[in-house]
Amino acid sequence: MRNSFKNLTFPELKAKRDELSRKYMDFRFQLIVGHVDNPLQKRELRRQIARLNNLIREHELAQIKAAGDKVADSNAQKA
């Protein structure tokens, strides 16, 4: 499960994060009510969301770097 997110595209990562966030919120409500079979699932969901956040940030930084490289290349060609 750890590496299953690495091959997802940027929009898929965001959709998966939103899905897991909703699932985490529902799980928290179930935990308060007391109808949870595996309470350790809360920790696993939280960690999966964190992994997705890291991958999303990596994609964002790669896009920023690519945009910066394009600007640097166009400036170099003008000089």
N, C-alpha and C. Protein backbone atom coordinates (compact mmCIF):
# COMPACT_ATOMS: atom_id res chain seq x y z
N MET A 1 0.82 -1.18 0.00
CA MET A 1 0.00 0.00 0.00
C MET A 1 0.87 1.26 0.00
N ARG A 2 2.05 1.18 0.52
CA ARG A 2 2.91 2.36 0.64
C ARG A 2 3.23 2.97 -0.71
N ASN A 3 3.65 2.14 -1.66
CA ASN A 3 4.11 2.66 -2.94
C ASN A 3 3.02 2.68 -3.99
N SER A 4 1.79 2.40 -3.63
CA SER A 4 0.73 2.33 -4.63
C SER A 4 0.31 3.70 -5.13
N PHE A 5 0.72 4.77 -4.47
CA PHE A 5 0.32 6.11 -4.88
C PHE A 5 1.31 6.73 -5.86
N LYS A 6 2.49 6.19 -5.98
CA LYS A 6 3.54 6.81 -6.78
C LYS A 6 3.23 6.85 -8.27
N ASN A 7 2.42 5.94 -8.76
CA ASN A 7 2.15 5.90 -10.19
C ASN A 7 0.88 6.66 -10.57
N LEU A 8 0.29 7.41 -9.62
CA LEU A 8 -0.92 8.18 -9.90
C LEU A 8 -0.55 9.54 -10.47
N THR A 9 -1.43 10.08 -11.29
CA THR A 9 -1.22 11.42 -11.82
C THR A 9 -1.61 12.46 -10.77
N PHE A 10 -1.28 13.72 -11.05
CA PHE A 10 -1.55 14.80 -10.11
C PHE A 10 -3.03 14.93 -9.77
N PRO A 11 -3.95 14.95 -10.77
CA PRO A 11 -5.38 15.03 -10.40
C PRO A 11 -5.87 13.79 -9.64
N GLU A 12 -5.32 12.63 -9.98
CA GLU A 12 -5.71 11.41 -9.26
C GLU A 12 -5.25 11.47 -7.81
N LEU A 13 -4.05 12.02 -7.58
CA LEU A 13 -3.55 12.16 -6.20
C LEU A 13 -4.46 13.06 -5.38
N LYS A 14 -4.88 14.18 -5.97
CA LYS A 14 -5.77 15.09 -5.25
C LYS A 14 -7.12 14.45 -4.97
N ALA A 15 -7.65 13.71 -5.94
CA ALA A 15 -8.94 13.04 -5.75
C ALA A 15 -8.83 11.98 -4.65
N LYS A 16 -7.74 11.23 -4.67
CA LYS A 16 -7.53 10.19 -3.65
C LYS A 16 -7.39 10.81 -2.26
N ARG A 17 -6.69 11.96 -2.19
CA ARG A 17 -6.54 12.64 -0.90
C ARG A 17 -7.89 13.11 -0.37
N ASP A 18 -8.71 13.66 -1.25
CA ASP A 18 -10.04 14.11 -0.84
C ASP A 18 -10.89 12.93 -0.36
N GLU A 19 -10.79 11.83 -1.08
CA GLU A 19 -11.55 10.63 -0.71
C GLU A 19 -11.12 10.12 0.66
N LEU A 20 -9.81 10.03 0.88
CA LEU A 20 -9.31 9.54 2.17
C LEU A 20 -9.62 10.52 3.30
N SER A 21 -9.63 11.81 3.01
CA SER A 21 -9.97 12.79 4.03
C SER A 21 -11.42 12.63 4.49
N ARG A 22 -12.31 12.41 3.52
CA ARG A 22 -13.72 12.17 3.87
C ARG A 22 -13.86 10.87 4.67
N LYS A 23 -13.13 9.86 4.25
CA LYS A 23 -13.17 8.58 4.95
C LYS A 23 -12.64 8.73 6.38
N TYR A 24 -11.58 9.54 6.54
CA TYR A 24 -11.01 9.78 7.85
C TYR A 24 -12.01 10.51 8.76
N MET A 25 -12.70 11.49 8.19
CA MET A 25 -13.68 12.23 8.98
C MET A 25 -14.82 11.32 9.42
N ASP A 26 -15.32 10.50 8.50
CA ASP A 26 -16.37 9.54 8.84
C ASP A 26 -15.90 8.58 9.92
N PHE A 27 -14.65 8.15 9.80
CA PHE A 27 -14.10 7.21 10.77
C PHE A 27 -14.02 7.85 12.16
N ARG A 28 -13.64 9.13 12.20
CA ARG A 28 -13.58 9.84 13.49
C ARG A 28 -14.96 9.90 14.14
N PHE A 29 -15.98 10.16 13.33
CA PHE A 29 -17.34 10.19 13.89
C PHE A 29 -17.75 8.81 14.41
N GLN A 30 -17.42 7.76 13.66
CA GLN A 30 -17.74 6.41 14.11
C GLN A 30 -16.99 6.07 15.39
N LEU A 31 -15.76 6.57 15.50
CA LEU A 31 -14.97 6.32 16.70
C LEU A 31 -15.61 6.97 17.93
N ILE A 32 -16.17 8.16 17.75
CA ILE A 32 -16.84 8.84 18.86
C ILE A 32 -18.09 8.09 19.27
N VAL A 33 -18.85 7.61 18.28
CA VAL A 33 -20.08 6.88 18.57
C VAL A 33 -19.74 5.52 19.18
N GLY A 34 -18.61 4.95 18.78
CA GLY A 34 -18.17 3.69 19.37
C GLY A 34 -18.41 2.47 18.53
N HIS A 35 -18.62 2.64 17.22
CA HIS A 35 -18.88 1.50 16.33
C HIS A 35 -17.71 1.25 15.40
N VAL A 36 -16.52 1.01 15.98
CA VAL A 36 -15.32 0.81 15.17
C VAL A 36 -14.74 -0.55 15.51
N ASP A 37 -14.44 -1.32 14.46
CA ASP A 37 -13.85 -2.64 14.66
C ASP A 37 -12.34 -2.54 14.88
N ASN A 38 -11.68 -1.68 14.11
CA ASN A 38 -10.23 -1.57 14.18
C ASN A 38 -9.84 -0.11 14.41
N PRO A 39 -9.59 0.29 15.66
CA PRO A 39 -9.26 1.69 15.94
C PRO A 39 -7.90 2.12 15.37
N LEU A 40 -7.02 1.18 15.05
CA LEU A 40 -5.72 1.53 14.48
C LEU A 40 -5.84 1.98 13.03
N GLN A 41 -6.99 1.79 12.45
CA GLN A 41 -7.22 2.23 11.07
C GLN A 41 -7.14 3.75 10.98
N LYS A 42 -7.46 4.45 12.06
CA LYS A 42 -7.39 5.91 12.08
C LYS A 42 -5.96 6.36 11.82
N ARG A 43 -5.00 5.73 12.46
CA ARG A 43 -3.60 6.08 12.27
C ARG A 43 -3.16 5.79 10.83
N GLU A 44 -3.59 4.66 10.30
CA GLU A 44 -3.21 4.30 8.93
C GLU A 44 -3.79 5.28 7.91
N LEU A 45 -5.02 5.70 8.10
CA LEU A 45 -5.63 6.69 7.21
C LEU A 45 -4.88 8.02 7.28
N ARG A 46 -4.53 8.43 8.48
CA ARG A 46 -3.80 9.68 8.66
C ARG A 46 -2.45 9.63 7.95
N ARG A 47 -1.78 8.51 8.03
CA ARG A 47 -0.47 8.35 7.39
C ARG A 47 -0.60 8.32 5.86
N GLN A 48 -1.65 7.67 5.37
CA GLN A 48 -1.86 7.65 3.92
C GLN A 48 -2.13 9.05 3.39
N ILE A 49 -2.90 9.83 4.13
CA ILE A 49 -3.17 11.21 3.72
C ILE A 49 -1.86 12.01 3.71
N ALA A 50 -1.02 11.78 4.69
CA ALA A 50 0.27 12.48 4.74
C ALA A 50 1.15 12.10 3.55
N ARG A 51 1.17 10.82 3.19
CA ARG A 51 1.93 10.38 2.02
C ARG A 51 1.42 11.06 0.74
N LEU A 52 0.11 11.14 0.62
CA LEU A 52 -0.47 11.80 -0.55
C LEU A 52 -0.12 13.28 -0.56
N ASN A 53 -0.15 13.93 0.59
CA ASN A 53 0.21 15.34 0.65
C ASN A 53 1.66 15.54 0.22
N ASN A 54 2.55 14.63 0.61
CA ASN A 54 3.95 14.74 0.20
C ASN A 54 4.10 14.58 -1.31
N LEU A 55 3.41 13.62 -1.89
CA LEU A 55 3.50 13.41 -3.33
C LEU A 55 2.91 14.59 -4.11
N ILE A 56 1.81 15.14 -3.60
CA ILE A 56 1.21 16.30 -4.25
C ILE A 56 2.18 17.48 -4.20
N ARG A 57 2.81 17.70 -3.09
CA ARG A 57 3.78 18.79 -2.97
C ARG A 57 4.98 18.56 -3.89
N GLU A 58 5.44 17.33 -4.04
CA GLU A 58 6.53 17.03 -4.96
C GLU A 58 6.15 17.40 -6.39
N HIS A 59 4.91 17.09 -6.78
CA HIS A 59 4.43 17.44 -8.12
C HIS A 59 4.39 18.96 -8.29
N GLU A 60 3.91 19.66 -7.27
CA GLU A 60 3.83 21.12 -7.35
C GLU A 60 5.23 21.73 -7.49
N LEU A 61 6.18 21.23 -6.71
CA LEU A 61 7.54 21.77 -6.78
C LEU A 61 8.18 21.46 -8.14
N ALA A 62 7.89 20.29 -8.70
CA ALA A 62 8.42 19.95 -10.01
C ALA A 62 7.84 20.88 -11.08
N GLN A 63 6.57 21.23 -10.96
CA GLN A 63 5.96 22.16 -11.92
C GLN A 63 6.57 23.55 -11.80
N ILE A 64 6.82 23.99 -10.58
CA ILE A 64 7.43 25.30 -10.36
C ILE A 64 8.84 25.32 -10.94
N LYS A 65 9.58 24.24 -10.70
CA LYS A 65 10.95 24.15 -11.22
C LYS A 65 10.95 24.14 -12.74
N ALA A 66 10.02 23.41 -13.34
CA ALA A 66 9.93 23.36 -14.79
C ALA A 66 9.60 24.73 -15.37
N ALA A 67 8.70 25.45 -14.71
CA ALA A 67 8.34 26.79 -15.16
C ALA A 67 9.55 27.73 -15.01
N GLY A 68 10.29 27.59 -13.94
CA GLY A 68 11.48 28.42 -13.73
C GLY A 68 12.55 28.12 -14.75
N ASP A 69 12.70 26.85 -15.12
CA ASP A 69 13.69 26.48 -16.14
C ASP A 69 13.32 27.07 -17.49
N LYS A 70 12.04 27.13 -17.82
CA LYS A 70 11.60 27.70 -19.08
C LYS A 70 11.92 29.19 -19.13
N VAL A 71 11.69 29.88 -18.01
CA VAL A 71 11.99 31.31 -17.95
C VAL A 71 13.48 31.55 -18.07
N ALA A 72 14.26 30.73 -17.40
CA ALA A 72 15.72 30.87 -17.45
C ALA A 72 16.23 30.60 -18.87
N ASP A 73 15.66 29.62 -19.55
CA ASP A 73 16.06 29.31 -20.92
C ASP A 73 15.72 30.45 -21.87
N SER A 74 14.54 31.04 -21.70
CA SER A 74 14.15 32.15 -22.59
C SER A 74 15.02 33.38 -22.33
N ASN A 75 15.40 33.61 -21.08
CA ASN A 75 16.29 34.73 -20.76
C ASN A 75 17.68 34.50 -21.33
N ALA A 76 18.15 33.28 -21.31
CA ALA A 76 19.47 32.96 -21.84
C ALA A 76 19.51 33.14 -23.35
N GLN A 77 18.41 32.83 -24.02
CA GLN A 77 18.36 32.97 -25.47
C GLN A 77 18.33 34.44 -25.88
N LYS A 78 17.73 35.30 -25.05
CA LYS A 78 17.67 36.74 -25.35
C LYS A 78 19.04 37.40 -25.21
N ALA A 79 19.86 36.88 -24.33
CA ALA A 79 21.16 37.51 -24.05
C ALA A 79 22.19 37.22 -25.10
